[in-house]
C-alpha atoms as a PDB file:
ATOM      1  CA  UNK A   1     -46.846  58.486 -25.560  1.00  0.00           C
ATOM      2  CA  UNK A   2     -44.611  59.645 -28.418  1.00  0.00           C
ATOM      3  CA  UNK A   3     -40.861  59.555 -27.578  1.00  0.00           C
ATOM      4  CA  UNK A   4     -39.228  62.980 -27.324  1.00  0.00           C
ATOM      5  CA  UNK A   5     -35.671  62.987 -28.737  1.00  0.00           C
ATOM      6  CA  UNK A   6     -33.026  64.928 -26.821  1.00  0.00           C
ATOM      7  CA  UNK A   7     -29.472  66.131 -27.363  1.00  0.00           C
ATOM      8  CA  UNK A   8     -28.155  64.160 -24.380  1.00  0.00           C
ATOM      9  CA  UNK A   9     -25.949  61.842 -26.462  1.00  0.00           C
ATOM     10  CA  UNK A  10     -24.822  64.546 -28.873  1.00  0.00           C
ATOM     11  CA  UNK A  11     -23.826  66.863 -26.018  1.00  0.00           C
ATOM     12  CA  UNK A  12     -21.995  64.015 -24.281  1.00  0.00           C
ATOM     13  CA  UNK A  13     -20.037  63.336 -27.476  1.00  0.00           C
ATOM     14  CA  UNK A  14     -19.151  67.027 -27.802  1.00  0.00           C
ATOM     15  CA  UNK A  15     -18.084  67.156 -24.154  1.00  0.00           C
ATOM     16  CA  UNK A  16     -15.767  64.178 -24.676  1.00  0.00           C
ATOM     17  CA  UNK A  17     -13.860  65.720 -27.568  1.00  0.00           C
ATOM     18  CA  UNK A  18     -15.997  65.661 -30.710  1.00  0.00           C
ATOM     19  CA  UNK A  19     -16.368  69.258 -31.908  1.00  0.00           C
ATOM     20  CA  UNK A  20     -19.062  68.506 -34.503  1.00  0.00           C
ATOM     21  CA  UNK A  21     -21.535  65.647 -34.060  1.00  0.00           C
ATOM     22  CA  UNK A  22     -23.938  64.567 -36.786  1.00  0.00           C
ATOM     23  CA  UNK A  23     -27.134  62.590 -36.816  1.00  0.00           C
ATOM     24  CA  UNK A  24     -27.901  60.664 -39.998  1.00  0.00           C
ATOM     25  CA  UNK A  25     -30.986  58.812 -41.149  1.00  0.00           C
ATOM     26  CA  UNK A  26     -32.383  57.381 -44.375  1.00  0.00           C
ATOM     27  CA  UNK A  27     -35.800  57.439 -45.990  1.00  0.00           C
ATOM     28  CA  UNK A  28     -37.096  55.238 -48.800  1.00  0.00           C
ATOM     29  CA  UNK A  29     -35.370  51.974 -47.921  1.00  0.00           C
ATOM     30  CA  UNK A  30     -38.622  50.008 -48.214  1.00  0.00           C
ATOM     31  CA  UNK A  31     -40.059  51.768 -51.256  1.00  0.00           C
ATOM     32  CA  UNK A  32     -40.359  49.971 -54.594  1.00  0.00           C
ATOM     33  CA  UNK A  33     -39.910  53.133 -56.666  1.00  0.00           C
ATOM     34  CA  UNK A  34     -37.924  56.319 -56.367  1.00  0.00           C
ATOM     35  CA  UNK A  35     -34.575  57.083 -54.776  1.00  0.00           C
ATOM     36  CA  UNK A  36     -33.177  56.670 -51.318  1.00  0.00           C
ATOM     37  CA  UNK A  37     -32.689  59.903 -49.395  1.00  0.00           C
ATOM     38  CA  UNK A  38     -30.194  60.298 -46.557  1.00  0.00           C
ATOM     39  CA  UNK A  39     -30.291  63.326 -44.291  1.00  0.00           C
ATOM     40  CA  UNK A  40     -27.469  64.562 -42.089  1.00  0.00           C
ATOM     41  CA  UNK A  41     -27.820  67.192 -39.361  1.00  0.00           C
ATOM     42  CA  UNK A  42     -24.769  68.524 -37.522  1.00  0.00           C
ATOM     43  CA  UNK A  43     -24.743  70.040 -34.034  1.00  0.00           C
ATOM     44  CA  UNK A  44     -21.986  71.682 -31.987  1.00  0.00           C
ATOM     45  CA  UNK A  45     -21.336  72.891 -28.462  1.00  0.00           C
ATOM     46  CA  UNK A  46     -23.371  76.052 -29.072  1.00  0.00           C
ATOM     47  CA  UNK A  47     -26.408  74.343 -30.636  1.00  0.00           C
ATOM     48  CA  UNK A  48     -29.479  75.059 -28.558  1.00  0.00           C
ATOM     49  CA  UNK A  49     -32.397  72.830 -27.673  1.00  0.00           C
ATOM     50  CA  UNK A  50     -34.133  71.240 -30.672  1.00  0.00           C
ATOM     51  CA  UNK A  51     -37.311  72.690 -32.173  1.00  0.00           C
ATOM     52  CA  UNK A  52     -40.488  72.014 -30.237  1.00  0.00           C
ATOM     53  CA  UNK A  53     -42.367  69.004 -31.587  1.00  0.00           C
ATOM     54  CA  UNK A  54     -39.327  67.337 -33.165  1.00  0.00           C
ATOM     55  CA  UNK A  55     -39.703  63.556 -33.412  1.00  0.00           C
ATOM     56  CA  UNK A  56     -38.869  60.643 -35.663  1.00  0.00           C
ATOM     57  CA  UNK A  57     -40.401  61.493 -39.035  1.00  0.00           C
ATOM     58  CA  UNK A  58     -42.437  58.267 -39.032  1.00  0.00           C
ATOM     59  CA  UNK A  59     -44.284  59.464 -35.929  1.00  0.00           C
ATOM     60  CA  UNK A  60     -45.236  62.858 -37.374  1.00  0.00           C
ATOM     61  CA  UNK A  61     -47.967  63.928 -39.752  1.00  0.00           C
ATOM     62  CA  UNK A  62     -46.977  65.265 -43.169  1.00  0.00           C
ATOM     63  CA  UNK A  63     -48.110  68.729 -42.065  1.00  0.00           C
ATOM     64  CA  UNK A  64     -45.971  68.587 -38.916  1.00  0.00           C
ATOM     65  CA  UNK A  65     -42.900  67.415 -40.849  1.00  0.00           C
ATOM     66  CA  UNK A  66     -43.276  70.189 -43.403  1.00  0.00           C
ATOM     67  CA  UNK A  67     -43.593  72.798 -40.656  1.00  0.00           C
ATOM     68  CA  UNK A  68     -40.557  71.427 -38.800  1.00  0.00           C
ATOM     69  CA  UNK A  69     -38.185  71.244 -41.776  1.00  0.00           C
ATOM     70  CA  UNK A  70     -37.327  74.990 -41.956  1.00  0.00           C
ATOM     71  CA  UNK A  71     -37.023  75.113 -38.157  1.00  0.00           C
ATOM     72  CA  UNK A  72     -34.533  72.231 -38.254  1.00  0.00           C
ATOM     73  CA  UNK A  73     -32.507  73.962 -40.967  1.00  0.00           C
ATOM     74  CA  UNK A  74     -32.332  77.133 -38.906  1.00  0.00           C
ATOM     75  CA  UNK A  75     -31.487  75.279 -35.700  1.00  0.00           C
ATOM     76  CA  UNK A  76     -28.737  72.965 -36.993  1.00  0.00           C
ATOM     77  CA  UNK A  77     -25.075  73.935 -37.182  1.00  0.00           C
ATOM     78  CA  UNK A  78     -25.287  72.545 -40.746  1.00  0.00           C
ATOM     79  CA  UNK A  79     -27.305  70.020 -42.717  1.00  0.00           C
ATOM     80  CA  UNK A  80     -27.327  68.261 -46.087  1.00  0.00           C
ATOM     81  CA  UNK A  81     -29.046  65.570 -48.139  1.00  0.00           C
ATOM     82  CA  UNK A  82     -27.661  62.743 -50.274  1.00  0.00           C
ATOM     83  CA  UNK A  83     -29.446  60.551 -52.798  1.00  0.00           C
ATOM     84  CA  UNK A  84     -29.145  57.187 -54.528  1.00  0.00           C
ATOM     85  CA  UNK A  85     -31.338  56.437 -57.522  1.00  0.00           C
ATOM     86  CA  UNK A  86     -33.434  53.362 -58.200  1.00  0.00           C
ATOM     87  CA  UNK A  87     -30.903  52.413 -60.876  1.00  0.00           C
ATOM     88  CA  UNK A  88     -28.053  52.512 -58.356  1.00  0.00           C
ATOM     89  CA  UNK A  89     -30.036  50.316 -55.980  1.00  0.00           C
ATOM     90  CA  UNK A  90     -30.489  47.798 -58.811  1.00  0.00           C
ATOM     91  CA  UNK A  91     -26.810  47.897 -59.806  1.00  0.00           C
ATOM     92  CA  UNK A  92     -25.137  47.954 -56.407  1.00  0.00           C
ATOM     93  CA  UNK A  93     -27.660  46.662 -53.877  1.00  0.00           C
ATOM     94  CA  UNK A  94     -29.415  48.461 -51.064  1.00  0.00           C
ATOM     95  CA  UNK A  95     -26.539  48.682 -48.579  1.00  0.00           C
ATOM     96  CA  UNK A  96     -24.077  50.113 -51.091  1.00  0.00           C
ATOM     97  CA  UNK A  97     -26.717  52.554 -52.338  1.00  0.00           C
ATOM     98  CA  UNK A  98     -27.289  53.688 -48.745  1.00  0.00           C
ATOM     99  CA  UNK A  99     -23.545  54.139 -48.255  1.00  0.00           C
ATOM    100  CA  UNK A 100     -23.264  56.219 -51.422  1.00  0.00           C
ATOM    101  CA  UNK A 101     -26.173  58.440 -50.446  1.00  0.00           C
ATOM    102  CA  UNK A 102     -24.713  58.918 -46.962  1.00  0.00           C
ATOM    103  CA  UNK A 103     -21.318  59.917 -48.327  1.00  0.00           C
ATOM    104  CA  UNK A 104     -22.946  62.313 -50.790  1.00  0.00           C
ATOM    105  CA  UNK A 105     -24.731  63.994 -47.899  1.00  0.00           C
ATOM    106  CA  UNK A 106     -21.450  64.287 -45.991  1.00  0.00           C
ATOM    107  CA  UNK A 107     -19.635  65.616 -49.070  1.00  0.00           C
ATOM    108  CA  UNK A 108     -22.257  68.363 -49.336  1.00  0.00           C
ATOM    109  CA  UNK A 109     -21.358  69.725 -45.886  1.00  0.00           C
ATOM    110  CA  UNK A 110     -18.915  72.619 -45.682  1.00  0.00           C
ATOM    111  CA  UNK A 111     -17.064  70.813 -42.871  1.00  0.00           C
ATOM    112  CA  UNK A 112     -17.204  67.107 -41.965  1.00  0.00           C
ATOM    113  CA  UNK A 113     -18.364  66.030 -38.512  1.00  0.00           C
ATOM    114  CA  UNK A 114     -16.104  64.255 -36.051  1.00  0.00           C
ATOM    115  CA  UNK A 115     -18.715  61.693 -35.035  1.00  0.00           C
ATOM    116  CA  UNK A 116     -21.870  60.416 -36.748  1.00  0.00           C
ATOM    117  CA  UNK A 117     -24.812  58.774 -35.000  1.00  0.00           C
ATOM    118  CA  UNK A 118     -26.925  56.560 -37.254  1.00  0.00           C
ATOM    119  CA  UNK A 119     -30.113  54.667 -36.573  1.00  0.00           C
ATOM    120  CA  UNK A 120     -30.244  50.892 -36.777  1.00  0.00           C
ATOM    121  CA  UNK A 121     -28.350  47.736 -35.876  1.00  0.00           C
ATOM    122  CA  UNK A 122     -25.366  47.917 -38.249  1.00  0.00           C
ATOM    123  CA  UNK A 123     -22.990  50.459 -39.735  1.00  0.00           C
ATOM    124  CA  UNK A 124     -24.000  50.884 -43.377  1.00  0.00           C
ATOM    125  CA  UNK A 125     -21.972  54.091 -43.755  1.00  0.00           C
ATOM    126  CA  UNK A 126     -18.392  52.884 -43.278  1.00  0.00           C
ATOM    127  CA  UNK A 127     -16.615  51.542 -46.348  1.00  0.00           C
ATOM    128  CA  UNK A 128     -15.993  47.792 -45.910  1.00  0.00           C
ATOM    129  CA  UNK A 129     -12.504  46.310 -45.860  1.00  0.00           C
ATOM    130  CA  UNK A 130     -11.954  43.501 -48.384  1.00  0.00           C
ATOM    131  CA  UNK A 131      -9.159  41.033 -49.039  1.00  0.00           C
ATOM    132  CA  UNK A 132      -8.092  43.136 -52.011  1.00  0.00           C
ATOM    133  CA  UNK A 133      -8.550  46.723 -50.847  1.00  0.00           C
ATOM    134  CA  UNK A 134      -8.172  48.593 -47.592  1.00  0.00           C
ATOM    135  CA  UNK A 135     -10.671  51.417 -47.204  1.00  0.00           C
ATOM    136  CA  UNK A 136      -9.094  54.780 -46.439  1.00  0.00           C
ATOM    137  CA  UNK A 137      -9.730  55.820 -42.835  1.00  0.00           C
ATOM    138  CA  UNK A 138     -12.714  58.121 -42.498  1.00  0.00           C
ATOM    139  CA  UNK A 139     -12.318  61.501 -40.764  1.00  0.00           C
ATOM    140  CA  UNK A 140     -15.160  60.573 -38.401  1.00  0.00           C
ATOM    141  CA  UNK A 141     -16.256  57.806 -36.052  1.00  0.00           C
ATOM    142  CA  UNK A 142     -19.658  56.143 -36.335  1.00  0.00           C
ATOM    143  CA  UNK A 143     -22.014  55.307 -33.470  1.00  0.00           C
ATOM    144  CA  UNK A 144     -24.866  52.911 -34.297  1.00  0.00           C
ATOM    145  CA  UNK A 145     -27.873  53.232 -32.005  1.00  0.00           C
ATOM    146  CA  UNK A 146     -31.105  51.252 -32.197  1.00  0.00           C
ATOM    147  CA  UNK A 147     -34.073  53.655 -32.412  1.00  0.00           C
ATOM    148  CA  UNK A 148     -31.708  56.621 -32.617  1.00  0.00           C
ATOM    149  CA  UNK A 149     -34.332  58.444 -34.702  1.00  0.00           C
ATOM    150  CA  UNK A 150     -36.657  58.339 -31.679  1.00  0.00           C
ATOM    151  CA  UNK A 151     -34.061  59.047 -29.002  1.00  0.00           C
ATOM    152  CA  UNK A 152     -31.523  61.495 -30.400  1.00  0.00           C
ATOM    153  CA  UNK A 153     -32.480  64.892 -31.746  1.00  0.00           C
ATOM    154  CA  UNK A 154     -29.895  65.208 -34.514  1.00  0.00           C
ATOM    155  CA  UNK A 155     -30.976  61.851 -35.972  1.00  0.00           C
ATOM    156  CA  UNK A 156     -34.673  62.712 -35.684  1.00  0.00           C
ATOM    157  CA  UNK A 157     -33.966  66.027 -37.412  1.00  0.00           C
ATOM    158  CA  UNK A 158     -32.123  64.251 -40.220  1.00  0.00           C
ATOM    159  CA  UNK A 159     -35.068  61.893 -40.662  1.00  0.00           C
ATOM    160  CA  UNK A 160     -37.470  64.839 -40.973  1.00  0.00           C
ATOM    161  CA  UNK A 161     -35.372  66.601 -43.621  1.00  0.00           C
ATOM    162  CA  UNK A 162     -34.921  63.421 -45.641  1.00  0.00           C
ATOM    163  CA  UNK A 163     -38.597  62.492 -45.437  1.00  0.00           C
ATOM    164  CA  UNK A 164     -39.857  65.929 -46.453  1.00  0.00           C
ATOM    165  CA  UNK A 165     -37.405  66.157 -49.362  1.00  0.00           C
ATOM    166  CA  UNK A 166     -38.147  62.659 -50.653  1.00  0.00           C
ATOM    167  CA  UNK A 167     -41.912  63.093 -50.361  1.00  0.00           C
ATOM    168  CA  UNK A 168     -41.707  66.358 -52.305  1.00  0.00           C
ATOM    169  CA  UNK A 169     -39.660  64.662 -55.014  1.00  0.00           C
ATOM    170  CA  UNK A 170     -42.122  61.766 -55.338  1.00  0.00           C
ATOM    171  CA  UNK A 171     -45.010  64.220 -55.708  1.00  0.00           C
ATOM    172  CA  UNK A 172     -43.078  65.952 -58.503  1.00  0.00           C
ATOM    173  CA  UNK A 173     -42.330  62.620 -60.205  1.00  0.00           C
ATOM    174  CA  UNK A 174     -46.005  61.673 -59.952  1.00  0.00           C
ATOM    175  CA  UNK A 175     -46.885  64.290 -62.564  1.00  0.00           C
ATOM    176  CA  UNK A 176     -45.162  62.218 -65.242  1.00  0.00           C
ATOM    177  CA  UNK A 177     -46.139  58.820 -63.767  1.00  0.00           C
ATOM    178  CA  UNK A 178     -49.714  59.413 -62.670  1.00  0.00           C
ATOM    179  CA  UNK A 179     -50.862  55.778 -62.977  1.00  0.00           C
ATOM    180  CA  UNK A 180     -48.781  54.672 -59.969  1.00  0.00           C
ATOM    181  CA  UNK A 181     -50.270  57.057 -57.400  1.00  0.00           C
ATOM    182  CA  UNK A 182     -46.916  58.326 -56.094  1.00  0.00           C
ATOM    183  CA  UNK A 183     -48.462  61.573 -54.881  1.00  0.00           C
ATOM    184  CA  UNK A 184     -50.142  59.527 -52.141  1.00  0.00           C
ATOM    185  CA  UNK A 185     -48.028  56.362 -51.741  1.00  0.00           C
ATOM    186  CA  UNK A 186     -44.620  58.054 -52.266  1.00  0.00           C
ATOM    187  CA  UNK A 187     -43.289  55.015 -54.131  1.00  0.00           C
ATOM    188  CA  UNK A 188     -44.163  52.424 -51.485  1.00  0.00           C
ATOM    189  CA  UNK A 189     -45.989  49.228 -52.366  1.00  0.00           C
ATOM    190  CA  UNK A 190     -49.599  50.223 -51.786  1.00  0.00           C
ATOM    191  CA  UNK A 191     -52.410  48.161 -53.310  1.00  0.00           C
ATOM    192  CA  UNK A 192     -52.946  50.905 -55.897  1.00  0.00           C
ATOM    193  CA  UNK A 193     -49.268  50.938 -56.818  1.00  0.00           C
ATOM    194  CA  UNK A 194     -49.031  47.149 -57.167  1.00  0.00           C
ATOM    195  CA  UNK A 195     -52.197  47.027 -59.263  1.00  0.00           C
ATOM    196  CA  UNK A 196     -50.760  49.671 -61.602  1.00  0.00           C
ATOM    197  CA  UNK A 197     -47.574  47.628 -62.023  1.00  0.00           C
ATOM    198  CA  UNK A 198     -49.613  44.624 -63.131  1.00  0.00           C
ATOM    199  CA  UNK A 199     -51.323  46.736 -65.784  1.00  0.00           C
ATOM    200  CA  UNK A 200     -48.640  49.189 -66.891  1.00  0.00           C
ATOM    201  CA  UNK A 201     -45.332  47.548 -65.975  1.00  0.00           C
ATOM    202  CA  UNK A 202     -42.223  49.309 -64.693  1.00  0.00           C
ATOM    203  CA  UNK A 203     -41.161  52.929 -65.045  1.00  0.00           C
ATOM    204  CA  UNK A 204     -37.585  54.192 -65.025  1.00  0.00           C
ATOM    205  CA  UNK A 205     -38.051  54.962 -61.309  1.00  0.00           C
ATOM    206  CA  UNK A 206     -38.854  51.390 -60.255  1.00  0.00           C
ATOM    207  CA  UNK A 207     -36.350  49.132 -58.515  1.00  0.00           C
ATOM    208  CA  UNK A 208     -36.418  46.374 -61.091  1.00  0.00           C
ATOM    209  CA  UNK A 209     -34.129  44.029 -59.161  1.00  0.00           C
ATOM    210  CA  UNK A 210     -36.863  43.677 -56.545  1.00  0.00           C
ATOM    211  CA  UNK A 211     -39.621  41.058 -56.815  1.00  0.00           C
ATOM    212  CA  UNK A 212     -42.241  43.300 -58.402  1.00  0.00           C
ATOM    213  CA  UNK A 213     -45.397  42.268 -60.265  1.00  0.00           C
ATOM    214  CA  UNK A 214     -45.204  42.134 -64.063  1.00  0.00           C
ATOM    215  CA  UNK A 215     -47.982  43.071 -66.474  1.00  0.00           C
ATOM    216  CA  UNK A 216     -50.616  40.364 -66.724  1.00  0.00           C
ATOM    217  CA  UNK A 217     -49.567  38.644 -63.483  1.00  0.00           C
ATOM    218  CA  UNK A 218     -52.316  38.370 -60.883  1.00  0.00           C
ATOM    219  CA  UNK A 219     -52.076  37.868 -57.145  1.00  0.00           C
END
C-alpha cells in the first residue's frame, strides 16, 4: 500500500514555535545529464490538509504528478524551485551543487521559513564549517528525516514540484539533443542513453566528471 504523507510533523513544528515550516526535496541526483532541481514548499498554521493523492513523486505516475503540481502550488503558503547545472556538479561536486540549488530555492521565496525538513540521512543544505571560515548562521533550523518524502506532506509536495519541473525541462532539452532520448529517460542512464554516448559522445548537459562511456568504448 502506498504511504500517505501527512502534515503531522509540520503542524507539530508550527505548534512548538516555528511560524513557517518548509519541506525540501531534490530531483535528478542520479541522472547523468541535466541539472539538479530542488523544490521547497512552505506551510503555516493556516495551511489546510494536503491535496488528495499527494505522495512521494517517485511513487506517482507522470500524469498524476502533472495533475497535482498546480494543486500543490495553490495549497502551499509559498513554494519555489532552485537549480544547479551539470557544469556546477562537475566543478563543485554533487553535495555542493545540491546545497547551491537548495539555497537558490530558498532565496526565491518572499519570506524564509523558520524550519526546513529534508529527506535523507544527512544535512546537505547547511553550509559546512571549515578550519578557515565560519559559516554565517542560517535563519532556519534543519530537520533531516529518512523517507520524509513518503511521510511528510510538505516534502512530498516539494518532490512533486521539482520532478514535474525537471521532467519538463528535459523534454525541452531533448529537442536539441534528440539522440540521447531525454524525452523518455529524462537524463538518467537508460540503455538507450548509454548507447548514444558511446556513439555520439557528451553534450554540454552531461556530467562529464562522472564515469560515462566514451565514443568507441563498448560494454
